[in-house]
PDB file of N, CA and C in Angstrom:
ATOM      1  N   MET A   1       0.847  -1.174   0.000  1.00  0.00           N
ATOM      2  CA  MET A   1       0.000   0.000   0.000  1.00  0.00           C
ATOM      3  C   MET A   1       0.894   1.240   0.000  1.00  0.00           C
ATOM      4  N   ASN A   2       0.663   2.144  -0.940  1.00  0.00           N
ATOM      5  CA  ASN A   2       1.474   3.347  -1.072  1.00  0.00           C
ATOM      6  C   ASN A   2       0.727   4.598  -0.622  1.00  0.00           C
ATOM      7  N   SER A   3      -0.077   4.474   0.391  1.00  0.00           N
ATOM      8  CA  SER A   3      -0.832   5.634   0.852  1.00  0.00           C
ATOM      9  C   SER A   3       0.050   6.545   1.694  1.00  0.00           C
ATOM     10  N   ILE A   4      -0.353   7.785   1.768  1.00  0.00           N
ATOM     11  CA  ILE A   4       0.369   8.756   2.589  1.00  0.00           C
ATOM     12  C   ILE A   4       0.325   8.355   4.054  1.00  0.00           C
ATOM     13  N   LEU A   5      -0.796   7.774   4.498  1.00  0.00           N
ATOM     14  CA  LEU A   5      -0.912   7.359   5.896  1.00  0.00           C
ATOM     15  C   LEU A   5       0.038   6.212   6.229  1.00  0.00           C
ATOM     16  N   SER A   6       0.187   5.258   5.316  1.00  0.00           N
ATOM     17  CA  SER A   6       1.121   4.163   5.612  1.00  0.00           C
ATOM     18  C   SER A   6       2.563   4.667   5.570  1.00  0.00           C
ATOM     19  N   ALA A   7       2.871   5.586   4.679  1.00  0.00           N
ATOM     20  CA  ALA A   7       4.219   6.160   4.634  1.00  0.00           C
ATOM     21  C   ALA A   7       4.523   6.907   5.937  1.00  0.00           C
ATOM     22  N   LEU A   8       3.528   7.601   6.449  1.00  0.00           N
ATOM     23  CA  LEU A   8       3.699   8.299   7.717  1.00  0.00           C
ATOM     24  C   LEU A   8       3.872   7.299   8.856  1.00  0.00           C
ATOM     25  N   TYR A   9       3.040   6.271   8.869  1.00  0.00           N
ATOM     26  CA  TYR A   9       3.089   5.254   9.930  1.00  0.00           C
ATOM     27  C   TYR A   9       4.426   4.525   9.943  1.00  0.00           C
ATOM     28  N   TYR A  10       4.929   4.156   8.775  1.00  0.00           N
ATOM     29  CA  TYR A  10       6.171   3.381   8.697  1.00  0.00           C
ATOM     30  C   TYR A  10       7.429   4.252   8.683  1.00  0.00           C
ATOM     31  N   GLY A  11       7.269   5.526   8.927  1.00  0.00           N
ATOM     32  CA  GLY A  11       8.424   6.404   9.072  1.00  0.00           C
ATOM     33  C   GLY A  11       9.131   6.759   7.782  1.00  0.00           C
ATOM     34  N   LYS A  12       8.417   6.686   6.657  1.00  0.00           N
ATOM     35  CA  LYS A  12       9.031   7.046   5.383  1.00  0.00           C
ATOM     36  C   LYS A  12       8.960   8.548   5.127  1.00  0.00           C
ATOM     37  N   ILE A  13       8.085   9.221   5.829  1.00  0.00           N
ATOM     38  CA  ILE A  13       8.032  10.672   5.740  1.00  0.00           C
ATOM     39  C   ILE A  13       8.105  11.262   7.147  1.00  0.00           C
ATOM     40  N   PHE A  14       8.741  12.409   7.245  1.00  0.00           N
ATOM     41  CA  PHE A  14       8.918  13.102   8.523  1.00  0.00           C
ATOM     42  C   PHE A  14       8.569  14.564   8.302  1.00  0.00           C
ATOM     43  N   PRO A  15       7.294  14.930   8.390  1.00  0.00           N
ATOM     44  CA  PRO A  15       6.906  16.307   8.057  1.00  0.00           C
ATOM     45  C   PRO A  15       7.710  17.372   8.796  1.00  0.00           C
ATOM     46  N   ALA A  16       7.949  17.191  10.067  1.00  0.00           N
ATOM     47  CA  ALA A  16       8.658  18.216  10.837  1.00  0.00           C
ATOM     48  C   ALA A  16      10.119  18.343  10.433  1.00  0.00           C
ATOM     49  N   GLU A  17      10.724  17.264   9.985  1.00  0.00           N
ATOM     50  CA  GLU A  17      12.142  17.284   9.641  1.00  0.00           C
ATOM     51  C   GLU A  17      12.388  17.545   8.159  1.00  0.00           C
ATOM     52  N   GLN A  18      11.419  17.252   7.319  1.00  0.00           N
ATOM     53  CA  GLN A  18      11.643  17.362   5.883  1.00  0.00           C
ATOM     54  C   GLN A  18      11.189  18.688   5.288  1.00  0.00           C
ATOM     55  N   TYR A  19      10.465  19.474   6.051  1.00  0.00           N
ATOM     56  CA  TYR A  19       9.943  20.728   5.511  1.00  0.00           C
ATOM     57  C   TYR A  19      11.006  21.813   5.508  1.00  0.00           C
ATOM     58  N   THR A  20      11.130  22.492   4.402  1.00  0.00           N
ATOM     59  CA  THR A  20      11.952  23.695   4.324  1.00  0.00           C
ATOM     60  C   THR A  20      11.211  24.691   3.440  1.00  0.00           C
ATOM     61  N   PRO A  21      11.090  25.917   3.898  1.00  0.00           N
ATOM     62  CA  PRO A  21      10.450  26.929   3.059  1.00  0.00           C
ATOM     63  C   PRO A  21      11.227  27.091   1.760  1.00  0.00           C
ATOM     64  N   LYS A  22      10.523  27.308   0.665  1.00  0.00           N
ATOM     65  CA  LYS A  22      11.176  27.358  -0.633  1.00  0.00           C
ATOM     66  C   LYS A  22      11.075  28.721  -1.319  1.00  0.00           C
ATOM     67  N   THR A  23      10.508  29.703  -0.654  1.00  0.00           N
ATOM     68  CA  THR A  23      10.354  30.996  -1.305  1.00  0.00           C
ATOM     69  C   THR A  23      11.660  31.787  -1.274  1.00  0.00           C
ATOM     70  N   LYS A  24      11.826  32.595  -2.273  1.00  0.00           N
ATOM     71  CA  LYS A  24      13.009  33.455  -2.349  1.00  0.00           C
ATOM     72  C   LYS A  24      13.011  34.439  -1.182  1.00  0.00           C
ATOM     73  N   GLU A  25      11.833  34.945  -0.835  1.00  0.00           N
ATOM     74  CA  GLU A  25      11.711  35.896   0.275  1.00  0.00           C
ATOM     75  C   GLU A  25      12.226  35.284   1.577  1.00  0.00           C
ATOM     76  N   TYR A  26      11.833  34.034   1.867  1.00  0.00           N
ATOM     77  CA  TYR A  26      12.295  33.371   3.078  1.00  0.00           C
ATOM     78  C   TYR A  26      13.812  33.230   3.067  1.00  0.00           C
ATOM     79  N   TYR A  27      14.359  32.788   1.951  1.00  0.00           N
ATOM     80  CA  TYR A  27      15.802  32.578   1.841  1.00  0.00           C
ATOM     81  C   TYR A  27      16.560  33.883   2.095  1.00  0.00           C
ATOM     82  N   GLU A  28      16.095  34.975   1.492  1.00  0.00           N
ATOM     83  CA  GLU A  28      16.764  36.260   1.659  1.00  0.00           C
ATOM     84  C   GLU A  28      16.701  36.743   3.110  1.00  0.00           C
ATOM     85  N   ILE A  29      15.526  36.632   3.721  1.00  0.00           N
ATOM     86  CA  ILE A  29      15.377  37.045   5.110  1.00  0.00           C
ATOM     87  C   ILE A  29      16.237  36.183   6.024  1.00  0.00           C
ATOM     88  N   HIS A  30      16.235  34.883   5.782  1.00  0.00           N
ATOM     89  CA  HIS A  30      17.026  33.957   6.593  1.00  0.00           C
ATOM     90  C   HIS A  30      18.516  34.280   6.484  1.00  0.00           C
ATOM     91  N   GLN A  31      18.992  34.527   5.283  1.00  0.00           N
ATOM     92  CA  GLN A  31      20.408  34.856   5.085  1.00  0.00           C
ATOM     93  C   GLN A  31      20.770  36.158   5.801  1.00  0.00           C
ATOM     94  N   ARG A  32      19.912  37.156   5.684  1.00  0.00           N
ATOM     95  CA  ARG A  32      20.161  38.447   6.321  1.00  0.00           C
ATOM     96  C   ARG A  32      20.182  38.301   7.848  1.00  0.00           C
ATOM     97  N   ASN A  33      19.207  37.563   8.379  1.00  0.00           N
ATOM     98  CA  ASN A  33      19.149  37.354   9.829  1.00  0.00           C
ATOM     99  C   ASN A  33      20.374  36.597  10.330  1.00  0.00           C
ATOM    100  N   TYR A  34      20.777  35.584   9.577  1.00  0.00           N
ATOM    101  CA  TYR A  34      21.949  34.800   9.988  1.00  0.00           C
ATOM    102  C   TYR A  34      23.199  35.672   9.990  1.00  0.00           C
ATOM    103  N   GLN A  35      23.332  36.545   9.007  1.00  0.00           N
ATOM    104  CA  GLN A  35      24.499  37.429   8.951  1.00  0.00           C
ATOM    105  C   GLN A  35      24.494  38.396  10.131  1.00  0.00           C
ATOM    106  N   HIS A  36      23.313  38.920  10.475  1.00  0.00           N
ATOM    107  CA  HIS A  36      23.220  39.809  11.642  1.00  0.00           C
ATOM    108  C   HIS A  36      23.615  39.059  12.922  1.00  0.00           C
ATOM    109  N   TYR A  37      23.170  37.836  13.018  1.00  0.00           N
ATOM    110  CA  TYR A  37      23.504  36.996  14.173  1.00  0.00           C
ATOM    111  C   TYR A  37      25.017  36.797  14.269  1.00  0.00           C
ATOM    112  N   GLU A  38      25.647  36.439  13.157  1.00  0.00           N
ATOM    113  CA  GLU A  38      27.100  36.226  13.134  1.00  0.00           C
ATOM    114  C   GLU A  38      27.850  37.508  13.494  1.00  0.00           C
ATOM    115  N   ASP A  39      27.416  38.626  12.943  1.00  0.00           N
ATOM    116  CA  ASP A  39      28.062  39.912  13.244  1.00  0.00           C
ATOM    117  C   ASP A  39      27.938  40.248  14.727  1.00  0.00           C
ATOM    118  N   PHE A  40      26.774  39.983  15.294  1.00  0.00           N
ATOM    119  CA  PHE A  40      26.544  40.276  16.708  1.00  0.00           C
ATOM    120  C   PHE A  40      27.424  39.403  17.603  1.00  0.00           C
ATOM    121  N   ILE A  41      27.552  38.135  17.273  1.00  0.00           N
ATOM    122  CA  ILE A  41      28.413  37.224  18.039  1.00  0.00           C
ATOM    123  C   ILE A  41      29.858  37.704  17.986  1.00  0.00           C
ATOM    124  N   ASP A  42      30.297  38.152  16.806  1.00  0.00           N
ATOM    125  CA  ASP A  42      31.655  38.676  16.683  1.00  0.00           C
ATOM    126  C   ASP A  42      31.861  39.889  17.597  1.00  0.00           C
ATOM    127  N   GLN A  43      30.888  40.799  17.624  1.00  0.00           N
ATOM    128  CA  GLN A  43      30.985  41.988  18.469  1.00  0.00           C
ATOM    129  C   GLN A  43      31.002  41.616  19.955  1.00  0.00           C
ATOM    130  N   LEU A  44      30.164  40.663  20.346  1.00  0.00           N
ATOM    131  CA  LEU A  44      30.142  40.223  21.747  1.00  0.00           C
ATOM    132  C   LEU A  44      31.474  39.617  22.156  1.00  0.00           C
ATOM    133  N   GLY A  45      32.061  38.845  21.263  1.00  0.00           N
ATOM    134  CA  GLY A  45      33.345  38.223  21.552  1.00  0.00           C
ATOM    135  C   GLY A  45      34.446  39.239  21.782  1.00  0.00           C
ATOM    136  N   LYS A  46      34.362  40.369  21.115  1.00  0.00           N
ATOM    137  CA  LYS A  46      35.368  41.424  21.266  1.00  0.00           C
ATOM    138  C   LYS A  46      35.180  42.199  22.564  1.00  0.00           C
ATOM    139  N   LEU A  47      33.933  42.345  23.012  1.00  0.00           N
ATOM    140  CA  LEU A  47      33.660  43.142  24.198  1.00  0.00           C
ATOM    141  C   LEU A  47      33.951  42.400  25.490  1.00  0.00           C
ATOM    142  N   ASN A  48      33.412  41.212  25.596  1.00  0.00           N
ATOM    143  CA  ASN A  48      33.503  40.496  26.856  1.00  0.00           C
ATOM    144  C   ASN A  48      33.240  39.013  26.577  1.00  0.00           C
ATOM    145  N   PRO A  49      34.274  38.191  26.513  1.00  0.00           N
ATOM    146  CA  PRO A  49      34.082  36.787  26.146  1.00  0.00           C
ATOM    147  C   PRO A  49      32.989  36.031  26.926  1.00  0.00           C
ATOM    148  N   PRO A  50      32.825  36.221  28.242  1.00  0.00           N
ATOM    149  CA  PRO A  50      31.718  35.504  28.893  1.00  0.00           C
ATOM    150  C   PRO A  50      30.340  35.941  28.381  1.00  0.00           C
ATOM    151  N   LEU A  51      30.238  37.183  27.897  1.00  0.00           N
ATOM    152  CA  LEU A  51      28.968  37.682  27.401  1.00  0.00           C
ATOM    153  C   LEU A  51      28.515  36.929  26.155  1.00  0.00           C
ATOM    154  N   ASP A  52      29.447  36.576  25.281  1.00  0.00           N
ATOM    155  CA  ASP A  52      29.042  35.838  24.084  1.00  0.00           C
ATOM    156  C   ASP A  52      28.546  34.439  24.438  1.00  0.00           C
ATOM    157  N   LYS A  53      29.138  33.827  25.427  1.00  0.00           N
ATOM    158  CA  LYS A  53      28.681  32.493  25.845  1.00  0.00           C
ATOM    159  C   LYS A  53      27.296  32.568  26.489  1.00  0.00           C
ATOM    160  N   LEU A  54      27.043  33.606  27.267  1.00  0.00           N
ATOM    161  CA  LEU A  54      25.723  33.799  27.866  1.00  0.00           C
ATOM    162  C   LEU A  54      24.673  34.012  26.777  1.00  0.00           C
ATOM    163  N   PHE A  55      25.019  34.816  25.791  1.00  0.00           N
ATOM    164  CA  PHE A  55      24.089  35.046  24.680  1.00  0.00           C
ATOM    165  C   PHE A  55      23.780  33.738  23.955  1.00  0.00           C
ATOM    166  N   MET A  56      24.790  32.919  23.718  1.00  0.00           N
ATOM    167  CA  MET A  56      24.581  31.624  23.041  1.00  0.00           C
ATOM    168  C   MET A  56      23.648  30.733  23.860  1.00  0.00           C
ATOM    169  N   GLU A  57      23.795  30.742  25.161  1.00  0.00           N
ATOM    170  CA  GLU A  57      22.906  29.953  26.020  1.00  0.00           C
ATOM    171  C   GLU A  57      21.463  30.446  25.909  1.00  0.00           C
ATOM    172  N   ILE A  58      21.301  31.767  25.913  1.00  0.00           N
ATOM    173  CA  ILE A  58      19.956  32.335  25.788  1.00  0.00           C
ATOM    174  C   ILE A  58      19.357  31.981  24.426  1.00  0.00           C
ATOM    175  N   MET A  59      20.142  32.079  23.371  1.00  0.00           N
ATOM    176  CA  MET A  59      19.656  31.737  22.030  1.00  0.00           C
ATOM    177  C   MET A  59      19.276  30.254  21.954  1.00  0.00           C
ATOM    178  N   ASP A  60      20.089  29.388  22.548  1.00  0.00           N
ATOM    179  CA  ASP A  60      19.776  27.963  22.555  1.00  0.00           C
ATOM    180  C   ASP A  60      18.446  27.700  23.248  1.00  0.00           C
ATOM    181  N   GLU A  61      18.205  28.401  24.347  1.00  0.00           N
ATOM    182  CA  GLU A  61      16.926  28.258  25.047  1.00  0.00           C
ATOM    183  C   GLU A  61      15.771  28.682  24.150  1.00  0.00           C
ATOM    184  N   GLN A  62      15.951  29.785  23.435  1.00  0.00           N
ATOM    185  CA  GLN A  62      14.914  30.272  22.526  1.00  0.00           C
ATOM    186  C   GLN A  62      14.693  29.288  21.377  1.00  0.00           C
ATOM    187  N   LEU A  63      15.767  28.737  20.852  1.00  0.00           N
ATOM    188  CA  LEU A  63      15.662  27.820  19.714  1.00  0.00           C
ATOM    189  C   LEU A  63      15.032  26.487  20.103  1.00  0.00           C
ATOM    190  N   ASP A  64      15.133  26.117  21.375  1.00  0.00           N
ATOM    191  CA  ASP A  64      14.510  24.872  21.835  1.00  0.00           C
ATOM    192  C   ASP A  64      12.985  24.912  21.709  1.00  0.00           C
ATOM    193  N   VAL A  65      12.421  26.102  21.669  1.00  0.00           N
ATOM    194  CA  VAL A  65      10.967  26.259  21.581  1.00  0.00           C
ATOM    195  C   VAL A  65      10.460  26.065  20.147  1.00  0.00           C
ATOM    196  N   ILE A  66      11.287  26.330  19.174  1.00  0.00           N
ATOM    197  CA  ILE A  66      10.848  26.310  17.778  1.00  0.00           C
ATOM    198  C   ILE A  66      10.261  24.964  17.354  1.00  0.00           C
ATOM    199  N   PRO A  67      10.890  23.817  17.636  1.00  0.00           N
ATOM    200  CA  PRO A  67      10.268  22.549  17.228  1.00  0.00           C
ATOM    201  C   PRO A  67       8.883  22.333  17.842  1.00  0.00           C
ATOM    202  N   ILE A  68       8.694  22.801  19.069  1.00  0.00           N
ATOM    203  CA  ILE A  68       7.385  22.673  19.716  1.00  0.00           C
ATOM    204  C   ILE A  68       6.368  23.538  18.973  1.00  0.00           C
ATOM    205  N   GLU A  69       6.757  24.761  18.642  1.00  0.00           N
ATOM    206  CA  GLU A  69       5.863  25.646  17.901  1.00  0.00           C
ATOM    207  C   GLU A  69       5.498  25.049  16.547  1.00  0.00           C
ATOM    208  N   LEU A  70       6.491  24.535  15.823  1.00  0.00           N
ATOM    209  CA  LEU A  70       6.225  23.949  14.509  1.00  0.00           C
ATOM    210  C   LEU A  70       5.301  22.743  14.616  1.00  0.00           C
ATOM    211  N   SER A  71       5.516  21.922  15.627  1.00  0.00           N
ATOM    212  CA  SER A  71       4.667  20.759  15.840  1.00  0.00           C
ATOM    213  C   SER A  71       3.231  21.179  16.088  1.00  0.00           C
ATOM    214  N   GLU A  72       3.039  22.164  16.948  1.00  0.00           N
ATOM    215  CA  GLU A  72       1.690  22.651  17.252  1.00  0.00           C
ATOM    216  C   GLU A  72       1.027  23.262  16.021  1.00  0.00           C
ATOM    217  N   MET A  73       1.798  24.004  15.219  1.00  0.00           N
ATOM    218  CA  MET A  73       1.236  24.589  13.997  1.00  0.00           C
ATOM    219  C   MET A  73       0.829  23.497  13.014  1.00  0.00           C
ATOM    220  N   PHE A  74       1.656  22.459  12.870  1.00  0.00           N
ATOM    221  CA  PHE A  74       1.328  21.343  11.981  1.00  0.00           C
ATOM    222  C   PHE A  74       0.042  20.663  12.428  1.00  0.00           C
ATOM    223  N   ILE A  75      -0.050  20.376  13.717  1.00  0.00           N
ATOM    224  CA  ILE A  75      -1.236  19.691  14.257  1.00  0.00           C
ATOM    225  C   ILE A  75      -2.477  20.555  14.078  1.00  0.00           C
ATOM    226  N   ASP A  76      -2.374  21.839  14.403  1.00  0.00           N
ATOM    227  CA  ASP A  76      -3.519  22.735  14.232  1.00  0.00           C
ATOM    228  C   ASP A  76      -3.927  22.840  12.762  1.00  0.00           C
ATOM    229  N   GLY A  77      -2.956  22.932  11.871  1.00  0.00           N
ATOM    230  CA  GLY A  77      -3.250  22.996  10.437  1.00  0.00           C
ATOM    231  C   GLY A  77      -3.912  21.728   9.937  1.00  0.00           C
ATOM    232  N   PHE A  78      -3.447  20.595  10.406  1.00  0.00           N
ATOM    233  CA  PHE A  78      -4.039  19.316  10.009  1.00  0.00           C
ATOM    234  C   PHE A  78      -5.478  19.237  10.500  1.00  0.00           C
ATOM    235  N   ARG A  79      -5.704  19.641  11.741  1.00  0.00           N
ATOM    236  CA  ARG A  79      -7.070  19.633  12.295  1.00  0.00           C
ATOM    237  C   ARG A  79      -7.985  20.565  11.516  1.00  0.00           C
ATOM    238  N   LEU A  80      -7.473  21.740  11.162  1.00  0.00           N
ATOM    239  CA  LEU A  80      -8.269  22.675  10.376  1.00  0.00           C
ATOM    240  C   LEU A  80      -8.637  22.057   9.031  1.00  0.00           C
ATOM    241  N   GLY A  81      -7.678  21.420   8.394  1.00  0.00           N
ATOM    242  CA  GLY A  81      -7.947  20.756   7.117  1.00  0.00           C
ATOM    243  C   GLY A  81      -8.987  19.658   7.263  1.00  0.00           C
ATOM    244  N   ALA A  82      -8.895  18.893   8.334  1.00  0.00           N
ATOM    245  CA  ALA A  82      -9.873  17.830   8.571  1.00  0.00           C
ATOM    246  C   ALA A  82     -11.261  18.426   8.806  1.00  0.00           C
ATOM    247  N   ARG A  83     -11.331  19.510   9.574  1.00  0.00           N
ATOM    248  CA  ARG A  83     -12.630  20.161   9.812  1.00  0.00           C
ATOM    249  C   ARG A  83     -13.206  20.710   8.513  1.00  0.00           C
ATOM    250  N   MET A  84     -12.339  21.222   7.648  1.00  0.00           N
ATOM    251  CA  MET A  84     -12.805  21.716   6.351  1.00  0.00           C
ATOM    252  C   MET A  84     -13.382  20.572   5.519  1.00  0.00           C
ATOM    253  N   MET A  85     -12.730  19.417   5.545  1.00  0.00           N
ATOM    254  CA  MET A  85     -13.236  18.263   4.790  1.00  0.00           C
ATOM    255  C   MET A  85     -14.568  17.787   5.364  1.00  0.00           C
ATOM    256  N   ILE A  86     -14.702  17.793   6.672  1.00  0.00           N
ATOM    257  CA  ILE A  86     -15.978  17.414   7.292  1.00  0.00           C
ATOM    258  C   ILE A  86     -17.071  18.363   6.823  1.00  0.00           C
ATOM    259  N   ASP A  87     -16.757  19.669   6.807  1.00  0.00           N
ATOM    260  CA  ASP A  87     -17.722  20.663   6.370  1.00  0.00           C
ATOM    261  C   ASP A  87     -18.116  20.437   4.913  1.00  0.00           C
ATOM    262  N   VAL A  88     -17.133  20.126   4.071  1.00  0.00           N
ATOM    263  CA  VAL A  88     -17.415  19.876   2.655  1.00  0.00           C
ATOM    264  C   VAL A  88     -18.347  18.678   2.499  1.00  0.00           C
ATOM    265  N   PHE A  89     -18.053  17.596   3.187  1.00  0.00           N
ATOM    266  CA  PHE A  89     -18.876  16.402   3.049  1.00  0.00           C
ATOM    267  C   PHE A  89     -20.260  16.574   3.685  1.00  0.00           C
ATOM    268  N   GLN A  90     -20.343  17.313   4.757  1.00  0.00           N
ATOM    269  CA  GLN A  90     -21.647  17.571   5.368  1.00  0.00           C
ATOM    270  C   GLN A  90     -22.493  18.450   4.474  1.00  0.00           C
ATOM    271  N   SER A  91     -21.885  19.375   3.758  1.00  0.00           N
ATOM    272  CA  SER A  91     -22.623  20.234   2.856  1.00  0.00           C
ATOM    273  C   SER A  91     -23.232  19.425   1.721  1.00  0.00           C
ATOM    274  N   ASP A  92     -22.512  18.423   1.238  1.00  0.00           N
ATOM    275  CA  ASP A  92     -23.037  17.572   0.165  1.00  0.00           C
ATOM    276  C   ASP A  92     -24.269  16.808   0.607  1.00  0.00           C
ATOM    277  N   LEU A  93     -24.360  16.457   1.878  1.00  0.00           N
ATOM    278  CA  LEU A  93     -25.475  15.672   2.381  1.00  0.00           C
ATOM    279  C   LEU A  93     -26.754  16.484   2.428  1.00  0.00           C
ATOM    280  N   HIS A  94     -26.666  17.794   2.501  1.00  0.00           N
ATOM    281  CA  HIS A  94     -27.827  18.650   2.672  1.00  0.00           C
ATOM    282  C   HIS A  94     -28.328  19.262   1.369  1.00  0.00           C
ATOM    283  N   ILE A  95     -27.812  18.818   0.268  1.00  0.00           N
ATOM    284  CA  ILE A  95     -28.241  19.404  -1.025  1.00  0.00           C
ATOM    285  C   ILE A  95     -29.578  18.866  -1.451  1.00  0.00           C
TER     286      ILE A  95
END
């Protein structure tokens, strides 16, 4: 069986790990943000070496939240799609 559900069940697809935005706008913003991040780390390293390590710890804490947010967005989006399909099929019954 080559259904999307069996592929998901048997671990052939990993929505959270395989998704990457493909728009040019995202790529440009991501590159710009990453460069700002690198420049800021360089400046922190010049001012006070313990400060750059503290900043990295804070950033790591912030980044730990992102997978949880993405998971919740995926689940909410899937539920919304399912509710939309229920609405579509219920509408057909009342014609």
